[in-house]
Amino acid sequence: MSPTPATEADLATLAAQLGRVPRGVVDVAARCVCGRPTVVRTAPRLEDGSPFPTMYYLTHPVAVAALSRLEAAGVMREMNDRLASDPELAAGHRRAHEDYLARRAELGEVPEIDGVSAGGMPTRVKCLHVLAAHALAVGPGVTPLGDEALALVEPEWTPAVCTCP
């Protein structure tokens, strides 16, 4: 999947989705089937100079809400338990971390966050939103727990069906 430039209309949509002016938007990394932004790529350093490790940022309100419900239901705890006991899953999660870092490095180096990805990678799961955003931006098979999170919310939200407000 290739990111596309954020248009003025995209930025207006993002502001409505987030309830604030979006910060550090580099481009749109994934879109709804209707064309609206679902995931943006953000700069590793914001305009005010702050380091910002969360390159892939999920913006679609229905997806955000669905993943928040998963987090509240304890799915992250279950995933963390599996990471501790499943070497294959842990290796896939580490590869996802390395992929995230490599893609962020394309946007610039920020020494303060060197080696730090997002969402708890590479050793734990701290944010399903980041993992799902990564999966949506780069496609299936790169971030196993992001793919899994998307599958778990599929009854409520899927990128294949527009649920934009």
N, C-alpha and C. Protein backbone atom coordinates (compact mmCIF):
# COMPACT_ATOMS: atom_id res chain seq x y z
N MET A 1 0.85 -1.17 0.00
CA MET A 1 0.00 0.00 0.00
C MET A 1 0.89 1.23 0.00
N SER A 2 0.51 2.19 -0.80
CA SER A 2 1.32 3.41 -0.89
C SER A 2 0.58 4.58 -0.27
N PRO A 3 1.28 5.34 0.56
CA PRO A 3 0.65 6.54 1.11
C PRO A 3 0.36 7.54 0.00
N THR A 4 -0.65 8.38 0.22
CA THR A 4 -1.01 9.41 -0.75
C THR A 4 -0.97 10.77 -0.06
N PRO A 5 -0.66 11.80 -0.81
CA PRO A 5 -0.61 13.13 -0.19
C PRO A 5 -1.94 13.50 0.45
N ALA A 6 -1.85 14.19 1.58
CA ALA A 6 -3.06 14.67 2.26
C ALA A 6 -3.50 15.97 1.59
N THR A 7 -4.73 16.00 1.14
CA THR A 7 -5.30 17.19 0.52
C THR A 7 -5.89 18.11 1.60
N GLU A 8 -6.28 19.29 1.21
CA GLU A 8 -6.97 20.19 2.15
C GLU A 8 -8.25 19.53 2.66
N ALA A 9 -8.96 18.83 1.76
CA ALA A 9 -10.18 18.13 2.18
C ALA A 9 -9.84 17.03 3.20
N ASP A 10 -8.73 16.31 2.98
CA ASP A 10 -8.30 15.30 3.95
C ASP A 10 -8.02 15.92 5.31
N LEU A 11 -7.32 17.04 5.30
CA LEU A 11 -6.98 17.70 6.57
C LEU A 11 -8.24 18.15 7.30
N ALA A 12 -9.23 18.62 6.56
CA ALA A 12 -10.51 19.01 7.17
C ALA A 12 -11.21 17.78 7.74
N THR A 13 -11.20 16.68 7.00
CA THR A 13 -11.79 15.43 7.49
C THR A 13 -11.08 14.96 8.75
N LEU A 14 -9.74 15.01 8.73
CA LEU A 14 -8.97 14.59 9.90
C LEU A 14 -9.31 15.44 11.12
N ALA A 15 -9.44 16.74 10.93
CA ALA A 15 -9.80 17.62 12.04
C ALA A 15 -11.16 17.23 12.61
N ALA A 16 -12.10 16.91 11.73
CA ALA A 16 -13.43 16.49 12.19
C ALA A 16 -13.34 15.13 12.90
N GLN A 17 -12.56 14.20 12.36
CA GLN A 17 -12.43 12.88 12.97
C GLN A 17 -11.80 12.97 14.36
N LEU A 18 -10.76 13.80 14.47
CA LEU A 18 -9.99 13.89 15.72
C LEU A 18 -10.57 14.88 16.72
N GLY A 19 -11.37 15.82 16.23
CA GLY A 19 -11.88 16.87 17.10
C GLY A 19 -10.83 17.93 17.43
N ARG A 20 -9.80 17.98 16.61
CA ARG A 20 -8.71 18.95 16.78
C ARG A 20 -7.95 19.04 15.47
N VAL A 21 -7.11 20.04 15.37
CA VAL A 21 -6.26 20.18 14.19
C VAL A 21 -5.22 19.06 14.23
N PRO A 22 -5.09 18.31 13.15
CA PRO A 22 -4.09 17.24 13.14
C PRO A 22 -2.68 17.82 13.15
N ARG A 23 -1.77 17.10 13.81
CA ARG A 23 -0.39 17.56 13.92
C ARG A 23 0.53 16.64 13.13
N GLY A 24 1.51 17.24 12.47
CA GLY A 24 2.58 16.47 11.85
C GLY A 24 2.19 15.55 10.72
N VAL A 25 1.06 15.78 10.08
CA VAL A 25 0.61 14.88 9.01
C VAL A 25 1.59 14.94 7.84
N VAL A 26 2.11 13.78 7.48
CA VAL A 26 2.96 13.67 6.30
C VAL A 26 2.12 13.28 5.09
N ASP A 27 1.26 12.27 5.27
CA ASP A 27 0.38 11.83 4.20
C ASP A 27 -0.68 10.90 4.77
N VAL A 28 -1.54 10.42 3.89
CA VAL A 28 -2.58 9.47 4.29
C VAL A 28 -2.06 8.08 3.94
N ALA A 29 -1.96 7.23 4.94
CA ALA A 29 -1.39 5.90 4.76
C ALA A 29 -2.43 4.84 4.43
N ALA A 30 -3.69 5.08 4.80
CA ALA A 30 -4.78 4.16 4.46
C ALA A 30 -6.07 4.97 4.40
N ARG A 31 -6.92 4.56 3.49
CA ARG A 31 -8.19 5.26 3.28
C ARG A 31 -9.36 4.29 3.38
N CYS A 32 -10.49 4.84 3.76
CA CYS A 32 -11.75 4.11 3.72
C CYS A 32 -12.08 3.84 2.24
N VAL A 33 -12.93 2.89 1.99
CA VAL A 33 -13.33 2.63 0.61
C VAL A 33 -14.01 3.84 -0.02
N CYS A 34 -14.51 4.77 0.80
CA CYS A 34 -15.12 5.99 0.27
C CYS A 34 -14.07 7.07 -0.05
N GLY A 35 -12.82 6.82 0.35
CA GLY A 35 -11.74 7.76 0.06
C GLY A 35 -11.29 8.61 1.23
N ARG A 36 -12.06 8.63 2.32
CA ARG A 36 -11.66 9.44 3.47
C ARG A 36 -10.48 8.79 4.20
N PRO A 37 -9.67 9.59 4.90
CA PRO A 37 -8.54 9.03 5.65
C PRO A 37 -9.00 8.08 6.75
N THR A 38 -8.23 7.01 6.91
CA THR A 38 -8.41 6.06 8.01
C THR A 38 -7.17 6.04 8.89
N VAL A 39 -5.99 6.15 8.25
CA VAL A 39 -4.70 6.17 8.94
C VAL A 39 -3.85 7.25 8.30
N VAL A 40 -3.21 8.06 9.13
CA VAL A 40 -2.24 9.03 8.61
C VAL A 40 -0.85 8.64 9.07
N ARG A 41 0.12 9.07 8.28
CA ARG A 41 1.53 8.96 8.70
C ARG A 41 1.90 10.32 9.25
N THR A 42 2.51 10.31 10.42
CA THR A 42 2.92 11.56 11.04
C THR A 42 4.44 11.63 11.09
N ALA A 43 4.93 12.84 11.08
CA ALA A 43 6.37 13.07 11.13
C ALA A 43 6.92 12.60 12.47
N PRO A 44 8.15 12.10 12.48
CA PRO A 44 8.75 11.66 13.74
C PRO A 44 9.13 12.83 14.66
N ARG A 45 9.10 14.03 14.12
CA ARG A 45 9.29 15.23 14.95
C ARG A 45 8.21 16.23 14.55
N LEU A 46 7.43 16.66 15.54
CA LEU A 46 6.33 17.60 15.26
C LEU A 46 6.85 19.00 15.03
N GLU A 47 5.96 19.86 14.56
CA GLU A 47 6.32 21.23 14.23
C GLU A 47 6.95 21.98 15.39
N ASP A 48 6.54 21.66 16.62
CA ASP A 48 7.09 22.34 17.79
C ASP A 48 8.42 21.75 18.26
N GLY A 49 8.93 20.76 17.52
CA GLY A 49 10.20 20.14 17.86
C GLY A 49 10.10 18.89 18.70
N SER A 50 8.90 18.54 19.15
CA SER A 50 8.71 17.36 19.99
C SER A 50 8.89 16.08 19.18
N PRO A 51 9.62 15.11 19.74
CA PRO A 51 9.69 13.80 19.08
C PRO A 51 8.32 13.13 19.17
N PHE A 52 7.95 12.40 18.11
CA PHE A 52 6.64 11.76 18.07
C PHE A 52 6.80 10.36 17.48
N PRO A 53 6.87 9.33 18.33
CA PRO A 53 7.14 7.97 17.82
C PRO A 53 5.98 7.34 17.06
N THR A 54 4.75 7.82 17.25
CA THR A 54 3.59 7.18 16.64
C THR A 54 3.42 7.65 15.20
N MET A 55 4.11 6.98 14.29
CA MET A 55 4.06 7.36 12.88
C MET A 55 2.70 7.04 12.26
N TYR A 56 2.16 5.85 12.52
CA TYR A 56 0.86 5.49 11.96
C TYR A 56 -0.20 5.80 13.01
N TYR A 57 -1.12 6.67 12.63
CA TYR A 57 -2.13 7.17 13.57
C TYR A 57 -3.51 6.86 13.03
N LEU A 58 -4.26 6.04 13.74
CA LEU A 58 -5.61 5.66 13.34
C LEU A 58 -6.56 6.82 13.59
N THR A 59 -7.33 7.20 12.58
CA THR A 59 -8.21 8.37 12.71
C THR A 59 -9.69 8.06 12.52
N HIS A 60 -10.02 6.95 11.91
CA HIS A 60 -11.43 6.65 11.61
C HIS A 60 -12.18 6.43 12.92
N PRO A 61 -13.19 7.26 13.22
CA PRO A 61 -13.87 7.20 14.53
C PRO A 61 -14.49 5.84 14.87
N VAL A 62 -15.06 5.16 13.90
CA VAL A 62 -15.70 3.87 14.18
C VAL A 62 -14.62 2.82 14.50
N ALA A 63 -13.52 2.85 13.76
CA ALA A 63 -12.42 1.93 14.02
C ALA A 63 -11.80 2.22 15.39
N VAL A 64 -11.60 3.48 15.69
CA VAL A 64 -11.02 3.87 16.99
C VAL A 64 -11.90 3.35 18.13
N ALA A 65 -13.21 3.55 18.01
CA ALA A 65 -14.14 3.10 19.05
C ALA A 65 -14.13 1.58 19.19
N ALA A 66 -14.11 0.88 18.07
CA ALA A 66 -14.11 -0.59 18.11
C ALA A 66 -12.85 -1.12 18.79
N LEU A 67 -11.71 -0.54 18.46
CA LEU A 67 -10.46 -0.98 19.08
C LEU A 67 -10.40 -0.59 20.55
N SER A 68 -10.98 0.54 20.91
CA SER A 68 -11.04 0.92 22.32
C SER A 68 -11.84 -0.09 23.12
N ARG A 69 -12.92 -0.60 22.53
CA ARG A 69 -13.72 -1.61 23.22
C ARG A 69 -12.92 -2.91 23.41
N LEU A 70 -12.11 -3.27 22.42
CA LEU A 70 -11.25 -4.45 22.58
C LEU A 70 -10.27 -4.24 23.74
N GLU A 71 -9.66 -3.06 23.77
CA GLU A 71 -8.72 -2.76 24.86
C GLU A 71 -9.42 -2.86 26.21
N ALA A 72 -10.61 -2.30 26.31
CA ALA A 72 -11.36 -2.33 27.57
C ALA A 72 -11.74 -3.76 27.97
N ALA A 73 -11.89 -4.63 26.98
CA ALA A 73 -12.26 -6.02 27.25
C ALA A 73 -11.07 -6.88 27.67
N GLY A 74 -9.87 -6.30 27.67
CA GLY A 74 -8.69 -7.04 28.13
C GLY A 74 -7.94 -7.79 27.06
N VAL A 75 -8.20 -7.49 25.81
CA VAL A 75 -7.52 -8.19 24.72
C VAL A 75 -6.01 -7.98 24.76
N MET A 76 -5.57 -6.79 25.16
CA MET A 76 -4.13 -6.53 25.22
C MET A 76 -3.46 -7.45 26.24
N ARG A 77 -4.08 -7.66 27.37
CA ARG A 77 -3.52 -8.54 28.39
C ARG A 77 -3.37 -9.96 27.83
N GLU A 78 -4.38 -10.43 27.12
CA GLU A 78 -4.31 -11.76 26.51
C GLU A 78 -3.18 -11.82 25.48
N MET A 79 -3.05 -10.79 24.67
CA MET A 79 -1.98 -10.76 23.67
C MET A 79 -0.61 -10.75 24.34
N ASN A 80 -0.48 -9.99 25.43
CA ASN A 80 0.79 -9.96 26.15
C ASN A 80 1.13 -11.33 26.73
N ASP A 81 0.14 -12.02 27.26
CA ASP A 81 0.36 -13.37 27.78
C ASP A 81 0.85 -14.29 26.66
N ARG A 82 0.24 -14.18 25.49
CA ARG A 82 0.65 -15.01 24.35
C ARG A 82 2.05 -14.64 23.87
N LEU A 83 2.37 -13.35 23.87
CA LEU A 83 3.72 -12.94 23.48
C LEU A 83 4.77 -13.59 24.39
N ALA A 84 4.46 -13.70 25.67
CA ALA A 84 5.40 -14.27 26.63
C ALA A 84 5.55 -15.78 26.47
N SER A 85 4.56 -16.44 25.89
CA SER A 85 4.60 -17.90 25.82
C SER A 85 4.73 -18.46 24.40
N ASP A 86 4.66 -17.61 23.38
CA ASP A 86 4.68 -18.07 21.99
C ASP A 86 5.86 -17.42 21.26
N PRO A 87 6.97 -18.15 21.15
CA PRO A 87 8.15 -17.56 20.50
C PRO A 87 7.92 -17.13 19.05
N GLU A 88 7.09 -17.84 18.33
CA GLU A 88 6.81 -17.47 16.94
C GLU A 88 6.05 -16.14 16.87
N LEU A 89 5.07 -15.98 17.73
CA LEU A 89 4.33 -14.72 17.79
C LEU A 89 5.26 -13.58 18.21
N ALA A 90 6.09 -13.84 19.21
CA ALA A 90 7.04 -12.82 19.68
C ALA A 90 8.00 -12.42 18.56
N ALA A 91 8.44 -13.38 17.77
CA ALA A 91 9.34 -13.06 16.65
C ALA A 91 8.61 -12.22 15.60
N GLY A 92 7.36 -12.53 15.33
CA GLY A 92 6.58 -11.73 14.39
C GLY A 92 6.36 -10.31 14.89
N HIS A 93 6.15 -10.18 16.19
CA HIS A 93 5.95 -8.86 16.80
C HIS A 93 7.24 -8.04 16.72
N ARG A 94 8.39 -8.71 16.90
CA ARG A 94 9.68 -8.03 16.77
C ARG A 94 9.90 -7.60 15.32
N ARG A 95 9.54 -8.42 14.38
CA ARG A 95 9.68 -8.05 12.96
C ARG A 95 8.78 -6.85 12.64
N ALA A 96 7.59 -6.82 13.22
CA ALA A 96 6.70 -5.67 13.02
C ALA A 96 7.34 -4.40 13.56
N HIS A 97 7.97 -4.50 14.72
CA HIS A 97 8.69 -3.37 15.33
C HIS A 97 9.80 -2.89 14.38
N GLU A 98 10.56 -3.82 13.83
CA GLU A 98 11.65 -3.46 12.93
C GLU A 98 11.12 -2.82 11.65
N ASP A 99 10.00 -3.32 11.15
CA ASP A 99 9.37 -2.73 9.97
C ASP A 99 8.94 -1.29 10.26
N TYR A 100 8.32 -1.11 11.41
CA TYR A 100 7.85 0.22 11.82
C TYR A 100 9.02 1.20 11.87
N LEU A 101 10.11 0.78 12.51
CA LEU A 101 11.28 1.65 12.62
C LEU A 101 11.87 1.98 11.26
N ALA A 102 11.96 1.00 10.38
CA ALA A 102 12.52 1.23 9.05
C ALA A 102 11.66 2.21 8.26
N ARG A 103 10.35 2.06 8.34
CA ARG A 103 9.46 2.96 7.60
C ARG A 103 9.50 4.38 8.20
N ARG A 104 9.61 4.47 9.51
CA ARG A 104 9.70 5.80 10.13
C ARG A 104 11.02 6.48 9.78
N ALA A 105 12.09 5.72 9.68
CA ALA A 105 13.40 6.28 9.32
C ALA A 105 13.36 6.95 7.95
N GLU A 106 12.47 6.49 7.08
CA GLU A 106 12.31 7.12 5.77
C GLU A 106 11.86 8.57 5.91
N LEU A 107 11.24 8.90 7.02
CA LEU A 107 10.73 10.26 7.25
C LEU A 107 11.73 11.14 8.00
N GLY A 108 12.82 10.56 8.47
CA GLY A 108 13.82 11.33 9.19
C GLY A 108 14.23 10.65 10.48
N GLU A 109 15.43 10.94 10.89
CA GLU A 109 15.96 10.38 12.13
C GLU A 109 15.69 11.35 13.29
N VAL A 110 15.29 10.79 14.41
CA VAL A 110 15.07 11.57 15.63
C VAL A 110 15.76 10.80 16.75
N PRO A 111 16.95 11.26 17.16
CA PRO A 111 17.74 10.50 18.14
C PRO A 111 16.99 10.20 19.44
N GLU A 112 16.11 11.09 19.87
CA GLU A 112 15.40 10.87 21.14
C GLU A 112 14.51 9.63 21.12
N ILE A 113 14.07 9.21 19.94
CA ILE A 113 13.19 8.04 19.85
C ILE A 113 13.83 6.90 19.06
N ASP A 114 15.14 6.96 18.89
CA ASP A 114 15.85 5.91 18.18
C ASP A 114 15.57 4.56 18.83
N GLY A 115 15.14 3.60 18.05
CA GLY A 115 14.85 2.27 18.57
C GLY A 115 13.50 2.12 19.23
N VAL A 116 12.75 3.21 19.36
CA VAL A 116 11.42 3.17 19.98
C VAL A 116 10.39 3.22 18.86
N SER A 117 9.57 2.19 18.79
CA SER A 117 8.50 2.22 17.79
C SER A 117 7.24 2.74 18.46
N ALA A 118 6.20 1.94 18.52
CA ALA A 118 4.95 2.41 19.12
C ALA A 118 4.11 1.19 19.50
N GLY A 119 3.12 1.42 20.30
CA GLY A 119 2.18 0.37 20.65
C GLY A 119 2.74 -0.70 21.56
N GLY A 120 3.91 -0.45 22.18
CA GLY A 120 4.52 -1.42 23.07
C GLY A 120 5.52 -2.34 22.38
N MET A 121 5.60 -2.25 21.06
CA MET A 121 6.55 -3.12 20.35
C MET A 121 7.96 -2.82 20.83
N PRO A 122 8.85 -3.76 20.89
CA PRO A 122 8.73 -5.14 20.41
C PRO A 122 8.38 -6.17 21.48
N THR A 123 8.23 -5.75 22.74
CA THR A 123 8.09 -6.76 23.79
C THR A 123 6.69 -6.90 24.37
N ARG A 124 5.82 -5.95 24.10
CA ARG A 124 4.48 -6.03 24.68
C ARG A 124 3.47 -5.34 23.78
N VAL A 125 2.22 -5.42 24.16
CA VAL A 125 1.14 -4.73 23.46
C VAL A 125 0.62 -3.66 24.40
N LYS A 126 0.75 -2.43 23.96
CA LYS A 126 0.32 -1.30 24.78
C LYS A 126 -0.83 -0.52 24.13
N CYS A 127 -0.98 -0.63 22.81
CA CYS A 127 -2.01 0.13 22.11
C CYS A 127 -2.44 -0.61 20.85
N LEU A 128 -3.66 -1.10 20.85
CA LEU A 128 -4.17 -1.80 19.67
C LEU A 128 -4.39 -0.85 18.49
N HIS A 129 -4.66 0.41 18.78
CA HIS A 129 -4.89 1.38 17.72
C HIS A 129 -3.66 1.51 16.82
N VAL A 130 -2.48 1.57 17.44
CA VAL A 130 -1.23 1.71 16.67
C VAL A 130 -0.97 0.45 15.87
N LEU A 131 -1.17 -0.71 16.47
CA LEU A 131 -0.93 -1.96 15.76
C LEU A 131 -1.88 -2.11 14.57
N ALA A 132 -3.14 -1.77 14.78
CA ALA A 132 -4.11 -1.83 13.68
C ALA A 132 -3.78 -0.81 12.60
N ALA A 133 -3.38 0.39 13.00
CA ALA A 133 -3.01 1.42 12.02
C ALA A 133 -1.83 0.95 11.18
N HIS A 134 -0.85 0.34 11.81
CA HIS A 134 0.31 -0.20 11.08
C HIS A 134 -0.16 -1.25 10.08
N ALA A 135 -1.02 -2.16 10.52
CA ALA A 135 -1.53 -3.21 9.64
C ALA A 135 -2.31 -2.62 8.46
N LEU A 136 -3.14 -1.63 8.73
CA LEU A 136 -3.91 -1.01 7.65
C LEU A 136 -2.99 -0.29 6.66
N ALA A 137 -1.95 0.33 7.17
CA ALA A 137 -1.06 1.11 6.31
C ALA A 137 -0.18 0.25 5.42
N VAL A 138 0.27 -0.89 5.93
CA VAL A 138 1.24 -1.68 5.17
C VAL A 138 0.67 -2.97 4.61
N GLY A 139 -0.53 -3.32 5.01
CA GLY A 139 -1.16 -4.53 4.49
C GLY A 139 -0.96 -5.72 5.40
N PRO A 140 -1.71 -6.79 5.16
CA PRO A 140 -1.66 -7.97 6.01
C PRO A 140 -0.31 -8.68 5.95
N GLY A 141 0.01 -9.36 7.07
CA GLY A 141 1.20 -10.19 7.12
C GLY A 141 2.43 -9.53 7.69
N VAL A 142 2.38 -8.23 7.97
CA VAL A 142 3.56 -7.52 8.49
C VAL A 142 3.51 -7.41 10.00
N THR A 143 2.35 -7.11 10.53
CA THR A 143 2.20 -6.96 11.98
C THR A 143 1.11 -7.91 12.47
N PRO A 144 1.52 -9.09 12.95
CA PRO A 144 0.52 -10.12 13.25
C PRO A 144 -0.54 -9.71 14.26
N LEU A 145 -0.16 -8.98 15.30
CA LEU A 145 -1.16 -8.59 16.29
C LEU A 145 -2.04 -7.46 15.78
N GLY A 146 -1.56 -6.65 14.89
CA GLY A 146 -2.41 -5.66 14.23
C GLY A 146 -3.43 -6.33 13.33
N ASP A 147 -2.97 -7.33 12.58
CA ASP A 147 -3.90 -8.11 11.74
C ASP A 147 -4.96 -8.78 12.61
N GLU A 148 -4.53 -9.33 13.74
CA GLU A 148 -5.46 -10.00 14.65
C GLU A 148 -6.48 -9.01 15.22
N ALA A 149 -6.01 -7.84 15.62
CA ALA A 149 -6.93 -6.83 16.16
C ALA A 149 -7.97 -6.44 15.13
N LEU A 150 -7.55 -6.28 13.88
CA LEU A 150 -8.50 -5.94 12.82
C LEU A 150 -9.53 -7.05 12.63
N ALA A 151 -9.08 -8.29 12.69
CA ALA A 151 -10.01 -9.42 12.55
C ALA A 151 -11.02 -9.44 13.71
N LEU A 152 -10.55 -9.09 14.90
CA LEU A 152 -11.44 -9.11 16.07
C LEU A 152 -12.51 -8.02 16.01
N VAL A 153 -12.23 -6.91 15.36
CA VAL A 153 -13.24 -5.84 15.27
C VAL A 153 -14.10 -5.95 14.02
N GLU A 154 -13.80 -6.93 13.17
CA GLU A 154 -14.50 -7.04 11.89
C GLU A 154 -16.02 -7.08 11.99
N PRO A 155 -16.60 -7.70 12.99
CA PRO A 155 -18.06 -7.61 13.04
C PRO A 155 -18.57 -6.17 13.21
N GLU A 156 -17.74 -5.33 13.82
CA GLU A 156 -18.13 -3.95 14.10
C GLU A 156 -17.58 -2.95 13.08
N TRP A 157 -16.37 -3.22 12.58
CA TRP A 157 -15.74 -2.32 11.61
C TRP A 157 -14.80 -3.11 10.71
N THR A 158 -14.81 -2.77 9.45
CA THR A 158 -13.89 -3.35 8.47
C THR A 158 -13.54 -2.27 7.47
N PRO A 159 -12.30 -2.25 6.99
CA PRO A 159 -11.94 -1.26 5.99
C PRO A 159 -12.61 -1.47 4.64
N ALA A 160 -13.27 -2.62 4.47
CA ALA A 160 -13.93 -2.93 3.21
C ALA A 160 -15.32 -2.32 3.09
N VAL A 161 -15.86 -1.78 4.19
CA VAL A 161 -17.21 -1.21 4.18
C VAL A 161 -17.15 0.19 4.79
N CYS A 162 -17.69 1.17 4.10
CA CYS A 162 -17.69 2.53 4.62
C CYS A 162 -18.68 2.65 5.79
N THR A 163 -18.15 3.13 6.91
CA THR A 163 -18.98 3.45 8.07
C THR A 163 -18.69 4.87 8.52
N CYS A 164 -18.21 5.68 7.59
CA CYS A 164 -17.88 7.07 7.94
C CYS A 164 -19.12 7.81 8.42
N PRO A 165 -18.94 8.59 9.48
CA PRO A 165 -20.09 9.36 9.96
C PRO A 165 -20.49 10.45 8.98
